[in-house]
Amino acid sequence: ELDSDLSNSGYFASVIVSAQSEEA
């Protein structure tokens, strides 16, 4: 949802959202 909201905002050419469990 966060990726979609930022991508559909019209502000950005590229959006990459990552959440790595190994970094928890």
mmCIF file of all heavy atoms, coordinates in Angstrom:
data_MODEL
# 
_entry.id   MODEL 
# 
loop_
_atom_site.group_PDB 
_atom_site.id 
_atom_site.type_symbol 
_atom_site.label_atom_id 
_atom_site.label_alt_id 
_atom_site.label_comp_id 
_atom_site.label_asym_id 
_atom_site.label_entity_id 
_atom_site.label_seq_id 
_atom_site.pdbx_PDB_ins_code 
_atom_site.Cartn_x 
_atom_site.Cartn_y 
_atom_site.Cartn_z 
_atom_site.occupancy 
_atom_site.B_iso_or_equiv 
_atom_site.pdbx_formal_charge 
_atom_site.auth_seq_id 
_atom_site.auth_comp_id 
_atom_site.auth_asym_id 
_atom_site.auth_atom_id 
_atom_site.pdbx_PDB_model_num 
ATOM 1   N N   . GLU A 1 1  ? 0.830  -1.208  0.000   1.00 0.00 ? 1  GLU A N   1 
ATOM 2   C CA  . GLU A 1 1  ? 0.000  0.000   0.000   1.00 0.00 ? 1  GLU A CA  1 
ATOM 3   C C   . GLU A 1 1  ? 0.863  1.255   0.000   1.00 0.00 ? 1  GLU A C   1 
ATOM 4   O O   . GLU A 1 1  ? 0.569  2.226   -0.707  1.00 0.00 ? 1  GLU A O   1 
ATOM 5   C CB  . GLU A 1 1  ? -0.924 -0.012  1.220   1.00 0.00 ? 1  GLU A CB  1 
ATOM 6   C CG  . GLU A 1 1  ? -2.040 -1.034  1.138   1.00 0.00 ? 1  GLU A CG  1 
ATOM 7   C CD  . GLU A 1 1  ? -2.790 -1.155  2.452   1.00 0.00 ? 1  GLU A CD  1 
ATOM 8   O OE1 . GLU A 1 1  ? -2.482 -0.377  3.391   1.00 0.00 ? 1  GLU A OE1 1 
ATOM 9   O OE2 . GLU A 1 1  ? -3.667 -2.024  2.556   1.00 0.00 ? 1  GLU A OE2 1 
ATOM 10  N N   . LEU A 1 2  ? 1.930  1.269   0.788   1.00 0.00 ? 2  LEU A N   1 
ATOM 11  C CA  . LEU A 1 2  ? 2.821  2.425   0.810   1.00 0.00 ? 2  LEU A CA  1 
ATOM 12  C C   . LEU A 1 2  ? 3.468  2.628   -0.553  1.00 0.00 ? 2  LEU A C   1 
ATOM 13  O O   . LEU A 1 2  ? 3.550  3.761   -1.050  1.00 0.00 ? 2  LEU A O   1 
ATOM 14  C CB  . LEU A 1 2  ? 3.882  2.225   1.892   1.00 0.00 ? 2  LEU A CB  1 
ATOM 15  C CG  . LEU A 1 2  ? 4.959  3.315   1.997   1.00 0.00 ? 2  LEU A CG  1 
ATOM 16  C CD1 . LEU A 1 2  ? 4.333  4.678   2.257   1.00 0.00 ? 2  LEU A CD1 1 
ATOM 17  C CD2 . LEU A 1 2  ? 5.966  2.962   3.084   1.00 0.00 ? 2  LEU A CD2 1 
ATOM 18  N N   . ASP A 1 3  ? 3.904  1.544   -1.166  1.00 0.00 ? 3  ASP A N   1 
ATOM 19  C CA  . ASP A 1 3  ? 4.487  1.630   -2.508  1.00 0.00 ? 3  ASP A CA  1 
ATOM 20  C C   . ASP A 1 3  ? 3.476  2.194   -3.496  1.00 0.00 ? 3  ASP A C   1 
ATOM 21  O O   . ASP A 1 3  ? 3.791  3.082   -4.300  1.00 0.00 ? 3  ASP A O   1 
ATOM 22  C CB  . ASP A 1 3  ? 4.953  0.241   -2.935  1.00 0.00 ? 3  ASP A CB  1 
ATOM 23  C CG  . ASP A 1 3  ? 5.720  0.262   -4.246  1.00 0.00 ? 3  ASP A CG  1 
ATOM 24  O OD1 . ASP A 1 3  ? 5.121  0.591   -5.278  1.00 0.00 ? 3  ASP A OD1 1 
ATOM 25  O OD2 . ASP A 1 3  ? 6.920  -0.074  -4.236  1.00 0.00 ? 3  ASP A OD2 1 
ATOM 26  N N   . SER A 1 4  ? 2.239  1.692   -3.433  1.00 0.00 ? 4  SER A N   1 
ATOM 27  C CA  . SER A 1 4  ? 1.199  2.151   -4.359  1.00 0.00 ? 4  SER A CA  1 
ATOM 28  C C   . SER A 1 4  ? 0.863  3.622   -4.128  1.00 0.00 ? 4  SER A C   1 
ATOM 29  O O   . SER A 1 4  ? 0.713  4.395   -5.087  1.00 0.00 ? 4  SER A O   1 
ATOM 30  C CB  . SER A 1 4  ? -0.045 1.284   -4.200  1.00 0.00 ? 4  SER A CB  1 
ATOM 31  O OG  . SER A 1 4  ? -1.101 1.745   -5.007  1.00 0.00 ? 4  SER A OG  1 
ATOM 32  N N   . ASP A 1 5  ? 0.731  4.031   -2.873  1.00 0.00 ? 5  ASP A N   1 
ATOM 33  C CA  . ASP A 1 5  ? 0.378  5.420   -2.582  1.00 0.00 ? 5  ASP A CA  1 
ATOM 34  C C   . ASP A 1 5  ? 1.446  6.382   -3.083  1.00 0.00 ? 5  ASP A C   1 
ATOM 35  O O   . ASP A 1 5  ? 1.130  7.428   -3.669  1.00 0.00 ? 5  ASP A O   1 
ATOM 36  C CB  . ASP A 1 5  ? 0.175  5.599   -1.074  1.00 0.00 ? 5  ASP A CB  1 
ATOM 37  C CG  . ASP A 1 5  ? -1.076 4.906   -0.564  1.00 0.00 ? 5  ASP A CG  1 
ATOM 38  O OD1 . ASP A 1 5  ? -1.960 4.621   -1.388  1.00 0.00 ? 5  ASP A OD1 1 
ATOM 39  O OD2 . ASP A 1 5  ? -1.147 4.636   0.654   1.00 0.00 ? 5  ASP A OD2 1 
ATOM 40  N N   . LEU A 1 6  ? 2.695  6.050   -2.871  1.00 0.00 ? 6  LEU A N   1 
ATOM 41  C CA  . LEU A 1 6  ? 3.772  6.921   -3.345  1.00 0.00 ? 6  LEU A CA  1 
ATOM 42  C C   . LEU A 1 6  ? 3.861  6.918   -4.869  1.00 0.00 ? 6  LEU A C   1 
ATOM 43  O O   . LEU A 1 6  ? 4.060  7.967   -5.497  1.00 0.00 ? 6  LEU A O   1 
ATOM 44  C CB  . LEU A 1 6  ? 5.104  6.472   -2.738  1.00 0.00 ? 6  LEU A CB  1 
ATOM 45  C CG  . LEU A 1 6  ? 5.280  6.730   -1.235  1.00 0.00 ? 6  LEU A CG  1 
ATOM 46  C CD1 . LEU A 1 6  ? 6.468  5.959   -0.688  1.00 0.00 ? 6  LEU A CD1 1 
ATOM 47  C CD2 . LEU A 1 6  ? 5.442  8.223   -0.966  1.00 0.00 ? 6  LEU A CD2 1 
ATOM 48  N N   . SER A 1 7  ? 3.696  5.746   -5.493  1.00 0.00 ? 7  SER A N   1 
ATOM 49  C CA  . SER A 1 7  ? 3.766  5.648   -6.954  1.00 0.00 ? 7  SER A CA  1 
ATOM 50  C C   . SER A 1 7  ? 2.637  6.406   -7.623  1.00 0.00 ? 7  SER A C   1 
ATOM 51  O O   . SER A 1 7  ? 2.825  7.000   -8.700  1.00 0.00 ? 7  SER A O   1 
ATOM 52  C CB  . SER A 1 7  ? 3.745  4.179   -7.382  1.00 0.00 ? 7  SER A CB  1 
ATOM 53  O OG  . SER A 1 7  ? 4.847  3.465   -6.865  1.00 0.00 ? 7  SER A OG  1 
ATOM 54  N N   . ASN A 1 8  ? 1.444  6.401   -7.009  1.00 0.00 ? 8  ASN A N   1 
ATOM 55  C CA  . ASN A 1 8  ? 0.281  7.056   -7.604  1.00 0.00 ? 8  ASN A CA  1 
ATOM 56  C C   . ASN A 1 8  ? 0.168  8.525   -7.243  1.00 0.00 ? 8  ASN A C   1 
ATOM 57  O O   . ASN A 1 8  ? -0.772 9.203   -7.674  1.00 0.00 ? 8  ASN A O   1 
ATOM 58  C CB  . ASN A 1 8  ? -0.996 6.333   -7.177  1.00 0.00 ? 8  ASN A CB  1 
ATOM 59  C CG  . ASN A 1 8  ? -1.083 4.922   -7.728  1.00 0.00 ? 8  ASN A CG  1 
ATOM 60  O OD1 . ASN A 1 8  ? -0.541 4.636   -8.791  1.00 0.00 ? 8  ASN A OD1 1 
ATOM 61  N ND2 . ASN A 1 8  ? -1.749 4.030   -7.011  1.00 0.00 ? 8  ASN A ND2 1 
ATOM 62  N N   . SER A 1 9  ? 1.101  9.030   -6.448  1.00 0.00 ? 9  SER A N   1 
ATOM 63  C CA  . SER A 1 9  ? 1.028  10.423  -6.013  1.00 0.00 ? 9  SER A CA  1 
ATOM 64  C C   . SER A 1 9  ? 1.284  11.401  -7.151  1.00 0.00 ? 9  SER A C   1 
ATOM 65  O O   . SER A 1 9  ? 0.860  12.558  -7.085  1.00 0.00 ? 9  SER A O   1 
ATOM 66  C CB  . SER A 1 9  ? 2.038  10.672  -4.893  1.00 0.00 ? 9  SER A CB  1 
ATOM 67  O OG  . SER A 1 9  ? 3.376  10.589  -5.396  1.00 0.00 ? 9  SER A OG  1 
ATOM 68  N N   . GLY A 1 10 ? 1.997  10.952  -8.191  1.00 0.00 ? 10 GLY A N   1 
ATOM 69  C CA  . GLY A 1 10 ? 2.356  11.844  -9.277  1.00 0.00 ? 10 GLY A CA  1 
ATOM 70  C C   . GLY A 1 10 ? 3.648  12.600  -9.039  1.00 0.00 ? 10 GLY A C   1 
ATOM 71  O O   . GLY A 1 10 ? 4.072  13.383  -9.894  1.00 0.00 ? 10 GLY A O   1 
ATOM 72  N N   . TYR A 1 11 ? 4.311  12.368  -7.882  1.00 0.00 ? 11 TYR A N   1 
ATOM 73  C CA  . TYR A 1 11 ? 5.535  13.086  -7.561  1.00 0.00 ? 11 TYR A CA  1 
ATOM 74  C C   . TYR A 1 11 ? 6.806  12.358  -8.005  1.00 0.00 ? 11 TYR A C   1 
ATOM 75  O O   . TYR A 1 11 ? 7.848  12.992  -8.157  1.00 0.00 ? 11 TYR A O   1 
ATOM 76  C CB  . TYR A 1 11 ? 5.626  13.300  -6.046  1.00 0.00 ? 11 TYR A CB  1 
ATOM 77  C CG  . TYR A 1 11 ? 4.568  14.199  -5.453  1.00 0.00 ? 11 TYR A CG  1 
ATOM 78  C CD1 . TYR A 1 11 ? 3.973  13.887  -4.240  1.00 0.00 ? 11 TYR A CD1 1 
ATOM 79  C CD2 . TYR A 1 11 ? 4.172  15.376  -6.088  1.00 0.00 ? 11 TYR A CD2 1 
ATOM 80  C CE1 . TYR A 1 11 ? 3.010  14.703  -3.670  1.00 0.00 ? 11 TYR A CE1 1 
ATOM 81  C CE2 . TYR A 1 11 ? 3.203  16.194  -5.535  1.00 0.00 ? 11 TYR A CE2 1 
ATOM 82  C CZ  . TYR A 1 11 ? 2.623  15.856  -4.318  1.00 0.00 ? 11 TYR A CZ  1 
ATOM 83  O OH  . TYR A 1 11 ? 1.675  16.677  -3.774  1.00 0.00 ? 11 TYR A OH  1 
ATOM 84  N N   . PHE A 1 12 ? 6.739  11.050  -8.192  1.00 0.00 ? 12 PHE A N   1 
ATOM 85  C CA  . PHE A 1 12 ? 7.958  10.266  -8.301  1.00 0.00 ? 12 PHE A CA  1 
ATOM 86  C C   . PHE A 1 12 ? 8.012  9.457   -9.596  1.00 0.00 ? 12 PHE A C   1 
ATOM 87  O O   . PHE A 1 12 ? 7.007  8.910   -10.039 1.00 0.00 ? 12 PHE A O   1 
ATOM 88  C CB  . PHE A 1 12 ? 8.090  9.318   -7.103  1.00 0.00 ? 12 PHE A CB  1 
ATOM 89  C CG  . PHE A 1 12 ? 7.945  10.019  -5.781  1.00 0.00 ? 12 PHE A CG  1 
ATOM 90  C CD1 . PHE A 1 12 ? 6.802  9.853   -5.012  1.00 0.00 ? 12 PHE A CD1 1 
ATOM 91  C CD2 . PHE A 1 12 ? 8.941  10.876  -5.334  1.00 0.00 ? 12 PHE A CD2 1 
ATOM 92  C CE1 . PHE A 1 12 ? 6.659  10.518  -3.812  1.00 0.00 ? 12 PHE A CE1 1 
ATOM 93  C CE2 . PHE A 1 12 ? 8.806  11.542  -4.132  1.00 0.00 ? 12 PHE A CE2 1 
ATOM 94  C CZ  . PHE A 1 12 ? 7.660  11.372  -3.364  1.00 0.00 ? 12 PHE A CZ  1 
ATOM 95  N N   . ALA A 1 13 ? 9.220  9.375   -10.146 1.00 0.00 ? 13 ALA A N   1 
ATOM 96  C CA  . ALA A 1 13 ? 9.453  8.533   -11.319 1.00 0.00 ? 13 ALA A CA  1 
ATOM 97  C C   . ALA A 1 13 ? 9.738  7.101   -10.908 1.00 0.00 ? 13 ALA A C   1 
ATOM 98  O O   . ALA A 1 13 ? 9.493  6.170   -11.676 1.00 0.00 ? 13 ALA A O   1 
ATOM 99  C CB  . ALA A 1 13 ? 10.618 9.085   -12.134 1.00 0.00 ? 13 ALA A CB  1 
ATOM 100 N N   . SER A 1 14 ? 10.280 6.904   -9.711  1.00 0.00 ? 14 SER A N   1 
ATOM 101 C CA  . SER A 1 14 ? 10.627 5.565   -9.241  1.00 0.00 ? 14 SER A CA  1 
ATOM 102 C C   . SER A 1 14 ? 10.400 5.500   -7.735  1.00 0.00 ? 14 SER A C   1 
ATOM 103 O O   . SER A 1 14 ? 10.767 6.428   -7.009  1.00 0.00 ? 14 SER A O   1 
ATOM 104 C CB  . SER A 1 14 ? 12.077 5.234   -9.587  1.00 0.00 ? 14 SER A CB  1 
ATOM 105 O OG  . SER A 1 14 ? 12.492 4.032   -8.973  1.00 0.00 ? 14 SER A OG  1 
ATOM 106 N N   . VAL A 1 15 ? 9.808  4.387   -7.290  1.00 0.00 ? 15 VAL A N   1 
ATOM 107 C CA  . VAL A 1 15 ? 9.576  4.143   -5.864  1.00 0.00 ? 15 VAL A CA  1 
ATOM 108 C C   . VAL A 1 15 ? 9.993  2.712   -5.557  1.00 0.00 ? 15 VAL A C   1 
ATOM 109 O O   . VAL A 1 15 ? 9.529  1.771   -6.211  1.00 0.00 ? 15 VAL A O   1 
ATOM 110 C CB  . VAL A 1 15 ? 8.093  4.347   -5.477  1.00 0.00 ? 15 VAL A CB  1 
ATOM 111 C CG1 . VAL A 1 15 ? 7.868  3.987   -4.006  1.00 0.00 ? 15 VAL A CG1 1 
ATOM 112 C CG2 . VAL A 1 15 ? 7.649  5.772   -5.761  1.00 0.00 ? 15 VAL A CG2 1 
ATOM 113 N N   . ILE A 1 16 ? 10.871 2.547   -4.602  1.00 0.00 ? 16 ILE A N   1 
ATOM 114 C CA  . ILE A 1 16 ? 11.279 1.212   -4.157  1.00 0.00 ? 16 ILE A CA  1 
ATOM 115 C C   . ILE A 1 16 ? 11.119 1.160   -2.639  1.00 0.00 ? 16 ILE A C   1 
ATOM 116 O O   . ILE A 1 16 ? 11.780 1.914   -1.909  1.00 0.00 ? 16 ILE A O   1 
ATOM 117 C CB  . ILE A 1 16 ? 12.740 0.897   -4.547  1.00 0.00 ? 16 ILE A CB  1 
ATOM 118 C CG1 . ILE A 1 16 ? 12.904 0.960   -6.067  1.00 0.00 ? 16 ILE A CG1 1 
ATOM 119 C CG2 . ILE A 1 16 ? 13.143 -0.477  -4.018  1.00 0.00 ? 16 ILE A CG2 1 
ATOM 120 C CD1 . ILE A 1 16 ? 14.348 0.769   -6.524  1.00 0.00 ? 16 ILE A CD1 1 
ATOM 121 N N   . VAL A 1 17 ? 10.220 0.295   -2.175  1.00 0.00 ? 17 VAL A N   1 
ATOM 122 C CA  . VAL A 1 17 ? 9.990  0.120   -0.745  1.00 0.00 ? 17 VAL A CA  1 
ATOM 123 C C   . VAL A 1 17 ? 10.461 -1.277  -0.364  1.00 0.00 ? 17 VAL A C   1 
ATOM 124 O O   . VAL A 1 17 ? 10.026 -2.270  -0.957  1.00 0.00 ? 17 VAL A O   1 
ATOM 125 C CB  . VAL A 1 17 ? 8.508  0.292   -0.389  1.00 0.00 ? 17 VAL A CB  1 
ATOM 126 C CG1 . VAL A 1 17 ? 8.304  0.161   1.119   1.00 0.00 ? 17 VAL A CG1 1 
ATOM 127 C CG2 . VAL A 1 17 ? 7.994  1.646   -0.872  1.00 0.00 ? 17 VAL A CG2 1 
ATOM 128 N N   . SER A 1 18 ? 11.347 -1.363  0.591   1.00 0.00 ? 18 SER A N   1 
ATOM 129 C CA  . SER A 1 18 ? 11.871 -2.666  1.012   1.00 0.00 ? 18 SER A CA  1 
ATOM 130 C C   . SER A 1 18 ? 11.754 -2.805  2.522   1.00 0.00 ? 18 SER A C   1 
ATOM 131 O O   . SER A 1 18 ? 11.900 -1.830  3.266   1.00 0.00 ? 18 SER A O   1 
ATOM 132 C CB  . SER A 1 18 ? 13.331 -2.838  0.573   1.00 0.00 ? 18 SER A CB  1 
ATOM 133 O OG  . SER A 1 18 ? 14.159 -1.877  1.204   1.00 0.00 ? 18 SER A OG  1 
ATOM 134 N N   . ALA A 1 19 ? 11.501 -4.040  2.954   1.00 0.00 ? 19 ALA A N   1 
ATOM 135 C CA  . ALA A 1 19 ? 11.437 -4.384  4.376   1.00 0.00 ? 19 ALA A CA  1 
ATOM 136 C C   . ALA A 1 19 ? 12.060 -5.761  4.519   1.00 0.00 ? 19 ALA A C   1 
ATOM 137 O O   . ALA A 1 19 ? 11.415 -6.778  4.221   1.00 0.00 ? 19 ALA A O   1 
ATOM 138 C CB  . ALA A 1 19 ? 10.000 -4.369  4.873   1.00 0.00 ? 19 ALA A CB  1 
ATOM 139 N N   . GLN A 1 20 ? 13.321 -5.807  4.941   1.00 0.00 ? 20 GLN A N   1 
ATOM 140 C CA  . GLN A 1 20 ? 14.080 -7.048  5.015   1.00 0.00 ? 20 GLN A CA  1 
ATOM 141 C C   . GLN A 1 20 ? 14.046 -7.595  6.438   1.00 0.00 ? 20 GLN A C   1 
ATOM 142 O O   . GLN A 1 20 ? 14.509 -6.924  7.368   1.00 0.00 ? 20 GLN A O   1 
ATOM 143 C CB  . GLN A 1 20 ? 15.528 -6.816  4.567   1.00 0.00 ? 20 GLN A CB  1 
ATOM 144 C CG  . GLN A 1 20 ? 15.653 -6.225  3.170   1.00 0.00 ? 20 GLN A CG  1 
ATOM 145 C CD  . GLN A 1 20 ? 15.121 -7.156  2.100   1.00 0.00 ? 20 GLN A CD  1 
ATOM 146 O OE1 . GLN A 1 20 ? 15.218 -8.377  2.214   1.00 0.00 ? 20 GLN A OE1 1 
ATOM 147 N NE2 . GLN A 1 20 ? 14.552 -6.569  1.045   1.00 0.00 ? 20 GLN A NE2 1 
ATOM 148 N N   . SER A 1 21 ? 13.524 -8.801  6.584   1.00 0.00 ? 21 SER A N   1 
ATOM 149 C CA  . SER A 1 21 ? 13.454 -9.402  7.917   1.00 0.00 ? 21 SER A CA  1 
ATOM 150 C C   . SER A 1 21 ? 14.844 -9.652  8.489   1.00 0.00 ? 21 SER A C   1 
ATOM 151 O O   . SER A 1 21 ? 15.020 -9.667  9.717   1.00 0.00 ? 21 SER A O   1 
ATOM 152 C CB  . SER A 1 21 ? 12.655 -10.706 7.864   1.00 0.00 ? 21 SER A CB  1 
ATOM 153 O OG  . SER A 1 21 ? 13.284 -11.643 6.992   1.00 0.00 ? 21 SER A OG  1 
ATOM 154 N N   . GLU A 1 22 ? 15.847 -9.850  7.629   1.00 0.00 ? 22 GLU A N   1 
ATOM 155 C CA  . GLU A 1 22 ? 17.205 -10.086 8.103   1.00 0.00 ? 22 GLU A CA  1 
ATOM 156 C C   . GLU A 1 22 ? 17.774 -8.873  8.832   1.00 0.00 ? 22 GLU A C   1 
ATOM 157 O O   . GLU A 1 22 ? 18.723 -8.998  9.624   1.00 0.00 ? 22 GLU A O   1 
ATOM 158 C CB  . GLU A 1 22 ? 18.130 -10.444 6.934   1.00 0.00 ? 22 GLU A CB  1 
ATOM 159 C CG  . GLU A 1 22 ? 17.751 -11.726 6.194   1.00 0.00 ? 22 GLU A CG  1 
ATOM 160 C CD  . GLU A 1 22 ? 16.672 -11.495 5.149   1.00 0.00 ? 22 GLU A CD  1 
ATOM 161 O OE1 . GLU A 1 22 ? 16.215 -10.326 5.006   1.00 0.00 ? 22 GLU A OE1 1 
ATOM 162 O OE2 . GLU A 1 22 ? 16.264 -12.469 4.490   1.00 0.00 ? 22 GLU A OE2 1 
ATOM 163 N N   . GLU A 1 23 ? 17.207 -7.682  8.573   1.00 0.00 ? 23 GLU A N   1 
ATOM 164 C CA  . GLU A 1 23 ? 17.692 -6.464  9.209   1.00 0.00 ? 23 GLU A CA  1 
ATOM 165 C C   . GLU A 1 23 ? 16.910 -6.116  10.469  1.00 0.00 ? 23 GLU A C   1 
ATOM 166 O O   . GLU A 1 23 ? 17.116 -5.038  11.054  1.00 0.00 ? 23 GLU A O   1 
ATOM 167 C CB  . GLU A 1 23 ? 17.626 -5.309  8.218   1.00 0.00 ? 23 GLU A CB  1 
ATOM 168 C CG  . GLU A 1 23 ? 18.463 -5.549  6.956   1.00 0.00 ? 23 GLU A CG  1 
ATOM 169 C CD  . GLU A 1 23 ? 18.297 -4.433  5.931   1.00 0.00 ? 23 GLU A CD  1 
ATOM 170 O OE1 . GLU A 1 23 ? 17.592 -3.460  6.237   1.00 0.00 ? 23 GLU A OE1 1 
ATOM 171 O OE2 . GLU A 1 23 ? 18.883 -4.542  4.828   1.00 0.00 ? 23 GLU A OE2 1 
ATOM 172 N N   . ALA A 1 24 ? 16.009 -7.007  10.881  1.00 0.00 ? 24 ALA A N   1 
ATOM 173 C CA  . ALA A 1 24 ? 15.181 -6.716  12.043  1.00 0.00 ? 24 ALA A CA  1 
ATOM 174 C C   . ALA A 1 24 ? 16.015 -6.712  13.324  1.00 0.00 ? 24 ALA A C   1 
ATOM 175 O O   . ALA A 1 24 ? 16.972 -7.481  13.484  1.00 0.00 ? 24 ALA A O   1 
ATOM 176 C CB  . ALA A 1 24 ? 14.065 -7.757  12.156  1.00 0.00 ? 24 ALA A CB  1 
# 
